[in-house]
Amino acid sequence: MKLALSTITLAAAISTGAAFAPSTNYARFSTSIANQLGDGMDLSGNSWKPDSEKMGSTDTGDYFPEGYDPNSAPGFAEGMLGSQASLGNDRSGPELPGMENLGADAVMMGGIEENSEIPAGMEFVPASVPDGNFSFQVAASSKGGQLEIEIKPFCMGFEDYYAAFAPGAHPSLKISPCAGRMDRRGGESTFLTIACEPNGQAGTFEGDLVVNLPEDMSKLSYKVSVTSF
């Protein structure tokens, strides 16, 4: 019984050791390939090289004509004034016969005319919420007083304006100019002068100043209060 167990154990050990033994199939396969290729075959690959021994560009263009002289090239500033440089004046232009003094005695015809009067039938209705308030004082015994106000342009283009006090304002209040043209946004401000002639009367004179811009379909409204003492 012991002899049978020992035999089984030895057989298992031999089988297990054979599983980790190196295989000789690869070595035999490599030897077979080497024998088939032979010893005289060149296995180093393609040995061709260009004449320059470098892999450079072979399509470089000819950027300069034959006989090109860099010293004869145009100067850096040459041609900056364009076709007018030959006239000797960078602001002058080509002159045509009979037009050498064009503009010296020119007469402007037509153009955009600026209205100086309020169109008939225009209404001046104050807004429910005024755009500003102005107040000043005058002496009742004086010829009156004035206040200059500034209106900054807010329209996208030039707009004609018309200014007047709304109905119900004190008759001593006047505005000038009553018509003009307002500059576009970012331009010069428009200045109006509010005048009050109390004619010896004392008290507080009030009125609503309205500036209509009909082309822009908008208006400005200001509360004006003058104290006469």
C-alpha atoms as a PDB file:
ATOM      1  CA  MET A   1       0.000   0.000   0.000  1.00  0.00           C
ATOM      2  CA  LYS A   2       2.827   2.409   0.882  1.00  0.00           C
ATOM      3  CA  LEU A   3       4.632   1.493  -2.346  1.00  0.00           C
ATOM      4  CA  ALA A   4       1.544   2.409  -4.399  1.00  0.00           C
ATOM      5  CA  LEU A   5       1.198   5.796  -2.697  1.00  0.00           C
ATOM      6  CA  SER A   6       4.877   6.611  -3.325  1.00  0.00           C
ATOM      7  CA  THR A   7       4.512   5.741  -6.981  1.00  0.00           C
ATOM      8  CA  ILE A   8       1.496   8.022  -7.361  1.00  0.00           C
ATOM      9  CA  THR A   9       3.274  10.906  -5.586  1.00  0.00           C
ATOM     10  CA  LEU A  10       6.370  10.624  -7.816  1.00  0.00           C
ATOM     11  CA  ALA A  11       4.222  10.628 -10.957  1.00  0.00           C
ATOM     12  CA  ALA A  12       2.384  13.767  -9.834  1.00  0.00           C
ATOM     13  CA  ALA A  13       5.682  15.550  -9.106  1.00  0.00           C
ATOM     14  CA  ILE A  14       7.083  14.709 -12.543  1.00  0.00           C
ATOM     15  CA  SER A  15       3.865  15.974 -14.214  1.00  0.00           C
ATOM     16  CA  THR A  16       3.906  19.239 -12.250  1.00  0.00           C
ATOM     17  CA  GLY A  17       7.573  19.945 -13.044  1.00  0.00           C
ATOM     18  CA  ALA A  18       6.999  19.381 -16.751  1.00  0.00           C
ATOM     19  CA  ALA A  19       4.405  22.199 -16.750  1.00  0.00           C
ATOM     20  CA  PHE A  20       7.105  24.792 -15.837  1.00  0.00           C
ATOM     21  CA  ALA A  21       9.828  23.478 -18.165  1.00  0.00           C
ATOM     22  CA  PRO A  22      10.871  25.869 -21.045  1.00  0.00           C
ATOM     23  CA  SER A  23       9.564  24.981 -24.452  1.00  0.00           C
ATOM     24  CA  THR A  24      12.038  24.318 -27.270  1.00  0.00           C
ATOM     25  CA  ASN A  25       9.575  24.904 -30.112  1.00  0.00           C
ATOM     26  CA  TYR A  26      10.580  28.598 -30.549  1.00  0.00           C
ATOM     27  CA  ALA A  27      14.262  27.821 -30.835  1.00  0.00           C
ATOM     28  CA  ARG A  28      13.554  25.152 -33.410  1.00  0.00           C
ATOM     29  CA  PHE A  29      11.292  27.560 -35.421  1.00  0.00           C
ATOM     30  CA  SER A  30      13.920  30.325 -35.433  1.00  0.00           C
ATOM     31  CA  THR A  31      16.591  27.893 -36.597  1.00  0.00           C
ATOM     32  CA  SER A  32      14.307  26.741 -39.404  1.00  0.00           C
ATOM     33  CA  ILE A  33      13.703  30.367 -40.622  1.00  0.00           C
ATOM     34  CA  ALA A  34      17.423  31.175 -40.577  1.00  0.00           C
ATOM     35  CA  ASN A  35      18.193  28.084 -42.618  1.00  0.00           C
ATOM     36  CA  GLN A  36      15.555  29.047 -45.236  1.00  0.00           C
ATOM     37  CA  LEU A  37      16.795  32.671 -45.687  1.00  0.00           C
ATOM     38  CA  GLY A  38      20.395  31.689 -46.127  1.00  0.00           C
ATOM     39  CA  ASP A  39      23.523  33.492 -45.038  1.00  0.00           C
ATOM     40  CA  GLY A  40      23.938  35.708 -48.194  1.00  0.00           C
ATOM     41  CA  MET A  41      20.658  37.751 -47.956  1.00  0.00           C
ATOM     42  CA  ASP A  42      20.877  41.469 -46.915  1.00  0.00           C
ATOM     43  CA  LEU A  43      18.524  41.964 -43.997  1.00  0.00           C
ATOM     44  CA  SER A  44      19.535  45.589 -43.223  1.00  0.00           C
ATOM     45  CA  GLY A  45      16.692  47.262 -45.226  1.00  0.00           C
ATOM     46  CA  ASN A  46      16.773  49.939 -47.955  1.00  0.00           C
ATOM     47  CA  SER A  47      20.169  51.665 -47.997  1.00  0.00           C
ATOM     48  CA  TRP A  48      19.326  54.379 -50.637  1.00  0.00           C
ATOM     49  CA  LYS A  49      20.182  57.989 -49.684  1.00  0.00           C
ATOM     50  CA  PRO A  50      19.758  61.304 -51.608  1.00  0.00           C
ATOM     51  CA  ASP A  51      22.785  62.993 -53.161  1.00  0.00           C
ATOM     52  CA  SER A  52      22.767  65.751 -50.569  1.00  0.00           C
ATOM     53  CA  GLU A  53      22.675  63.197 -47.778  1.00  0.00           C
ATOM     54  CA  LYS A  54      19.723  65.251 -46.396  1.00  0.00           C
ATOM     55  CA  MET A  55      15.973  65.111 -46.797  1.00  0.00           C
ATOM     56  CA  GLY A  56      15.381  68.781 -47.741  1.00  0.00           C
ATOM     57  CA  SER A  57      12.697  70.556 -49.756  1.00  0.00           C
ATOM     58  CA  THR A  58      12.904  70.083 -53.508  1.00  0.00           C
ATOM     59  CA  ASP A  59      10.178  72.604 -54.595  1.00  0.00           C
ATOM     60  CA  THR A  60      11.667  75.943 -53.481  1.00  0.00           C
ATOM     61  CA  GLY A  61      10.394  78.681 -55.828  1.00  0.00           C
ATOM     62  CA  ASP A  62      12.340  81.491 -57.454  1.00  0.00           C
ATOM     63  CA  TYR A  63      11.185  84.554 -55.566  1.00  0.00           C
ATOM     64  CA  PHE A  64      13.490  87.058 -57.242  1.00  0.00           C
ATOM     65  CA  PRO A  65      14.124  87.486 -60.971  1.00  0.00           C
ATOM     66  CA  GLU A  66      17.492  86.885 -62.470  1.00  0.00           C
ATOM     67  CA  GLY A  67      19.858  89.781 -61.965  1.00  0.00           C
ATOM     68  CA  TYR A  68      17.890  91.115 -58.971  1.00  0.00           C
ATOM     69  CA  ASP A  69      19.772  93.820 -57.076  1.00  0.00           C
ATOM     70  CA  PRO A  70      18.451  94.482 -53.551  1.00  0.00           C
ATOM     71  CA  ASN A  71      20.162  97.881 -53.505  1.00  0.00           C
ATOM     72  CA  SER A  72      17.954  99.115 -56.348  1.00  0.00           C
ATOM     73  CA  ALA A  73      14.678  98.254 -54.592  1.00  0.00           C
ATOM     74  CA  PRO A  74      12.158 101.095 -53.872  1.00  0.00           C
ATOM     75  CA  GLY A  75      12.662 102.980 -50.631  1.00  0.00           C
ATOM     76  CA  PHE A  76      10.517 102.309 -47.587  1.00  0.00           C
ATOM     77  CA  ALA A  77       8.600 105.624 -47.812  1.00  0.00           C
ATOM     78  CA  GLU A  78       8.251 105.614 -51.583  1.00  0.00           C
ATOM     79  CA  GLY A  79       4.630 105.509 -52.712  1.00  0.00           C
ATOM     80  CA  MET A  80       3.140 106.374 -49.330  1.00  0.00           C
ATOM     81  CA  LEU A  81       1.446 109.500 -50.725  1.00  0.00           C
ATOM     82  CA  GLY A  82      -0.073 107.604 -53.622  1.00  0.00           C
ATOM     83  CA  SER A  83      -0.732 109.241 -56.968  1.00  0.00           C
ATOM     84  CA  GLN A  84      -0.808 112.727 -55.414  1.00  0.00           C
ATOM     85  CA  ALA A  85       2.844 112.733 -54.406  1.00  0.00           C
ATOM     86  CA  SER A  86       3.996 114.122 -57.742  1.00  0.00           C
ATOM     87  CA  LEU A  87       1.884 117.260 -57.240  1.00  0.00           C
ATOM     88  CA  GLY A  88       4.078 118.477 -54.403  1.00  0.00           C
ATOM     89  CA  ASN A  89       1.174 118.772 -51.962  1.00  0.00           C
ATOM     90  CA  ASP A  90      -0.271 115.853 -50.023  1.00  0.00           C
ATOM     91  CA  ARG A  91      -3.669 117.591 -49.959  1.00  0.00           C
ATOM     92  CA  SER A  92      -3.861 118.603 -53.596  1.00  0.00           C
ATOM     93  CA  GLY A  93      -5.627 116.643 -56.291  1.00  0.00           C
ATOM     94  CA  PRO A  94      -5.636 116.448 -60.062  1.00  0.00           C
ATOM     95  CA  GLU A  95      -6.699 119.752 -61.575  1.00  0.00           C
ATOM     96  CA  LEU A  96      -8.923 119.972 -64.624  1.00  0.00           C
ATOM     97  CA  PRO A  97      -8.873 122.954 -66.982  1.00  0.00           C
ATOM     98  CA  GLY A  98     -11.071 125.695 -65.587  1.00  0.00           C
ATOM     99  CA  MET A  99     -11.313 124.096 -62.126  1.00  0.00           C
ATOM    100  CA  GLU A 100      -7.983 125.142 -60.655  1.00  0.00           C
ATOM    101  CA  ASN A 101      -9.628 127.420 -58.036  1.00  0.00           C
ATOM    102  CA  LEU A 102     -12.687 125.318 -57.359  1.00  0.00           C
ATOM    103  CA  GLY A 103     -14.205 126.348 -54.040  1.00  0.00           C
ATOM    104  CA  ALA A 104     -12.469 129.720 -53.800  1.00  0.00           C
ATOM    105  CA  ASP A 105     -15.529 131.604 -55.043  1.00  0.00           C
ATOM    106  CA  ALA A 106     -18.131 128.862 -54.771  1.00  0.00           C
ATOM    107  CA  VAL A 107     -21.701 129.793 -53.892  1.00  0.00           C
ATOM    108  CA  MET A 108     -23.716 127.325 -51.823  1.00  0.00           C
ATOM    109  CA  MET A 109     -27.124 126.680 -53.344  1.00  0.00           C
ATOM    110  CA  GLY A 110     -29.895 124.861 -51.547  1.00  0.00           C
ATOM    111  CA  GLY A 111     -28.798 122.727 -48.606  1.00  0.00           C
ATOM    112  CA  ILE A 112     -30.671 121.948 -45.390  1.00  0.00           C
ATOM    113  CA  GLU A 113     -32.598 124.946 -44.126  1.00  0.00           C
ATOM    114  CA  GLU A 114     -33.166 125.432 -40.419  1.00  0.00           C
ATOM    115  CA  ASN A 115     -36.620 126.476 -39.273  1.00  0.00           C
ATOM    116  CA  SER A 116     -36.760 129.678 -37.246  1.00  0.00           C
ATOM    117  CA  GLU A 117     -40.487 129.734 -36.460  1.00  0.00           C
ATOM    118  CA  ILE A 118     -42.911 127.378 -34.804  1.00  0.00           C
ATOM    119  CA  PRO A 119     -45.194 125.656 -37.340  1.00  0.00           C
ATOM    120  CA  ALA A 120     -48.822 126.686 -37.172  1.00  0.00           C
ATOM    121  CA  GLY A 121     -51.015 124.372 -35.152  1.00  0.00           C
ATOM    122  CA  MET A 122     -48.214 122.747 -33.120  1.00  0.00           C
ATOM    123  CA  GLU A 123     -49.336 121.901 -29.592  1.00  0.00           C
ATOM    124  CA  PHE A 124     -47.149 122.065 -26.497  1.00  0.00           C
ATOM    125  CA  VAL A 125     -48.466 119.594 -23.944  1.00  0.00           C
ATOM    126  CA  PRO A 126     -46.373 119.056 -20.796  1.00  0.00           C
ATOM    127  CA  ALA A 127     -45.527 115.541 -19.684  1.00  0.00           C
ATOM    128  CA  SER A 128     -47.014 114.134 -16.502  1.00  0.00           C
ATOM    129  CA  VAL A 129     -43.479 113.646 -15.144  1.00  0.00           C
ATOM    130  CA  PRO A 130     -41.137 116.563 -15.971  1.00  0.00           C
ATOM    131  CA  ASP A 131     -37.580 116.019 -17.197  1.00  0.00           C
ATOM    132  CA  GLY A 132     -36.262 118.724 -14.868  1.00  0.00           C
ATOM    133  CA  ASN A 133     -36.977 121.793 -12.771  1.00  0.00           C
ATOM    134  CA  PHE A 134     -35.591 125.331 -13.075  1.00  0.00           C
ATOM    135  CA  SER A 135     -36.044 128.262 -10.762  1.00  0.00           C
ATOM    136  CA  PHE A 136     -34.522 131.721 -10.281  1.00  0.00           C
ATOM    137  CA  GLN A 137     -35.356 135.119  -8.785  1.00  0.00           C
ATOM    138  CA  VAL A 138     -35.915 138.575 -10.245  1.00  0.00           C
ATOM    139  CA  ALA A 139     -36.615 141.988  -8.790  1.00  0.00           C
ATOM    140  CA  ALA A 140     -40.149 143.189  -9.475  1.00  0.00           C
ATOM    141  CA  SER A 141     -38.929 146.731 -10.132  1.00  0.00           C
ATOM    142  CA  SER A 142     -36.258 145.579 -12.624  1.00  0.00           C
ATOM    143  CA  LYS A 143     -36.494 144.952 -16.339  1.00  0.00           C
ATOM    144  CA  GLY A 144     -36.463 141.236 -15.577  1.00  0.00           C
ATOM    145  CA  GLY A 145     -34.018 138.353 -15.367  1.00  0.00           C
ATOM    146  CA  GLN A 146     -32.775 135.440 -17.411  1.00  0.00           C
ATOM    147  CA  LEU A 147     -31.666 131.870 -16.892  1.00  0.00           C
ATOM    148  CA  GLU A 148     -29.736 129.858 -19.481  1.00  0.00           C
ATOM    149  CA  ILE A 149     -30.406 126.127 -19.496  1.00  0.00           C
ATOM    150  CA  GLU A 150     -28.436 123.375 -21.214  1.00  0.00           C
ATOM    151  CA  ILE A 151     -29.995 120.442 -23.056  1.00  0.00           C
ATOM    152  CA  LYS A 152     -27.677 117.623 -24.018  1.00  0.00           C
ATOM    153  CA  PRO A 153     -28.521 115.924 -27.333  1.00  0.00           C
ATOM    154  CA  PHE A 154     -29.986 112.457 -27.077  1.00  0.00           C
ATOM    155  CA  CYS A 155     -31.218 111.669 -30.601  1.00  0.00           C
ATOM    156  CA  MET A 156     -29.376 109.503 -33.100  1.00  0.00           C
ATOM    157  CA  GLY A 157     -29.283 112.312 -35.691  1.00  0.00           C
ATOM    158  CA  PHE A 158     -29.759 116.041 -36.033  1.00  0.00           C
ATOM    159  CA  GLU A 159     -33.290 117.020 -35.044  1.00  0.00           C
ATOM    160  CA  ASP A 160     -35.280 120.245 -35.387  1.00  0.00           C
ATOM    161  CA  TYR A 161     -36.766 121.401 -32.099  1.00  0.00           C
ATOM    162  CA  TYR A 162     -39.494 123.873 -31.152  1.00  0.00           C
ATOM    163  CA  ALA A 163     -39.737 125.342 -27.646  1.00  0.00           C
ATOM    164  CA  ALA A 164     -42.581 127.207 -25.966  1.00  0.00           C
ATOM    165  CA  PHE A 165     -44.440 127.444 -22.688  1.00  0.00           C
ATOM    166  CA  ALA A 166     -47.579 125.356 -22.438  1.00  0.00           C
ATOM    167  CA  PRO A 167     -50.944 127.119 -22.136  1.00  0.00           C
ATOM    168  CA  GLY A 168     -51.570 128.294 -18.579  1.00  0.00           C
ATOM    169  CA  ALA A 169     -48.006 129.547 -17.974  1.00  0.00           C
ATOM    170  CA  HIS A 170     -47.534 133.056 -16.552  1.00  0.00           C
ATOM    171  CA  PRO A 171     -47.424 135.593 -19.414  1.00  0.00           C
ATOM    172  CA  SER A 172     -44.146 137.076 -18.120  1.00  0.00           C
ATOM    173  CA  LEU A 173     -42.251 133.902 -19.024  1.00  0.00           C
ATOM    174  CA  LYS A 174     -40.528 133.743 -22.404  1.00  0.00           C
ATOM    175  CA  ILE A 175     -38.146 131.271 -24.079  1.00  0.00           C
ATOM    176  CA  SER A 176     -35.560 131.878 -26.803  1.00  0.00           C
ATOM    177  CA  PRO A 177     -34.723 130.677 -29.307  1.00  0.00           C
ATOM    178  CA  CYS A 178     -38.093 129.141 -29.985  1.00  0.00           C
ATOM    179  CA  ALA A 179     -36.785 126.953 -32.825  1.00  0.00           C
ATOM    180  CA  GLY A 180     -33.495 125.452 -33.894  1.00  0.00           C
ATOM    181  CA  ARG A 181     -31.636 122.244 -34.640  1.00  0.00           C
ATOM    182  CA  MET A 182     -30.365 119.923 -31.942  1.00  0.00           C
ATOM    183  CA  ASP A 183     -27.119 118.080 -32.463  1.00  0.00           C
ATOM    184  CA  ARG A 184     -26.968 114.296 -32.496  1.00  0.00           C
ATOM    185  CA  ARG A 185     -26.046 112.240 -29.446  1.00  0.00           C
ATOM    186  CA  GLY A 186     -22.552 112.978 -28.213  1.00  0.00           C
ATOM    187  CA  GLY A 187     -22.468 116.359 -30.009  1.00  0.00           C
ATOM    188  CA  GLU A 188     -22.702 119.914 -28.746  1.00  0.00           C
ATOM    189  CA  SER A 189     -25.367 120.877 -26.246  1.00  0.00           C
ATOM    190  CA  THR A 190     -28.308 123.123 -27.032  1.00  0.00           C
ATOM    191  CA  PHE A 191     -28.716 126.238 -24.876  1.00  0.00           C
ATOM    192  CA  LEU A 192     -32.054 127.943 -24.271  1.00  0.00           C
ATOM    193  CA  THR A 193     -32.687 131.157 -22.347  1.00  0.00           C
ATOM    194  CA  ILE A 194     -35.672 131.532 -20.030  1.00  0.00           C
ATOM    195  CA  ALA A 195     -36.624 135.189 -19.484  1.00  0.00           C
ATOM    196  CA  CYS A 196     -39.029 136.742 -17.021  1.00  0.00           C
ATOM    197  CA  GLU A 197     -40.327 140.344 -17.171  1.00  0.00           C
ATOM    198  CA  PRO A 198     -42.422 140.923 -14.020  1.00  0.00           C
ATOM    199  CA  ASN A 199     -43.431 144.486 -14.982  1.00  0.00           C
ATOM    200  CA  GLY A 200     -43.532 145.544 -11.339  1.00  0.00           C
ATOM    201  CA  GLN A 201     -45.508 142.534 -10.164  1.00  0.00           C
ATOM    202  CA  ALA A 202     -44.350 140.472  -7.204  1.00  0.00           C
ATOM    203  CA  GLY A 203     -45.064 136.829  -6.575  1.00  0.00           C
ATOM    204  CA  THR A 204     -44.202 133.378  -7.917  1.00  0.00           C
ATOM    205  CA  PHE A 205     -44.577 132.877 -11.627  1.00  0.00           C
ATOM    206  CA  GLU A 206     -44.750 129.318 -12.894  1.00  0.00           C
ATOM    207  CA  GLY A 207     -45.032 127.559 -16.215  1.00  0.00           C
ATOM    208  CA  ASP A 208     -44.321 124.357 -18.107  1.00  0.00           C
ATOM    209  CA  LEU A 209     -41.613 124.600 -20.769  1.00  0.00           C
ATOM    210  CA  VAL A 210     -42.046 122.054 -23.577  1.00  0.00           C
ATOM    211  CA  VAL A 211     -39.470 121.263 -26.265  1.00  0.00           C
ATOM    212  CA  ASN A 212     -40.969 119.333 -29.163  1.00  0.00           C
ATOM    213  CA  LEU A 213     -38.880 117.180 -31.529  1.00  0.00           C
ATOM    214  CA  PRO A 214     -41.467 116.154 -34.130  1.00  0.00           C
ATOM    215  CA  GLU A 215     -39.154 114.156 -36.401  1.00  0.00           C
ATOM    216  CA  ASP A 216     -38.023 112.031 -33.459  1.00  0.00           C
ATOM    217  CA  MET A 217     -41.592 111.907 -32.120  1.00  0.00           C
ATOM    218  CA  SER A 218     -40.364 112.912 -28.667  1.00  0.00           C
ATOM    219  CA  LYS A 219     -40.399 115.919 -26.370  1.00  0.00           C
ATOM    220  CA  LEU A 220     -38.859 117.370 -23.232  1.00  0.00           C
ATOM    221  CA  SER A 221     -40.809 118.989 -20.424  1.00  0.00           C
ATOM    222  CA  TYR A 222     -39.494 121.248 -17.619  1.00  0.00           C
ATOM    223  CA  LYS A 223     -41.096 122.936 -14.638  1.00  0.00           C
ATOM    224  CA  VAL A 224     -40.114 126.614 -14.378  1.00  0.00           C
ATOM    225  CA  SER A 225     -40.638 128.726 -11.258  1.00  0.00           C
ATOM    226  CA  VAL A 226     -39.602 132.383 -10.951  1.00  0.00           C
ATOM    227  CA  THR A 227     -39.852 134.355  -7.716  1.00  0.00           C
ATOM    228  CA  SER A 228     -40.380 138.097  -8.160  1.00  0.00           C
ATOM    229  CA  PHE A 229     -39.678 140.158  -5.055  1.00  0.00           C
END
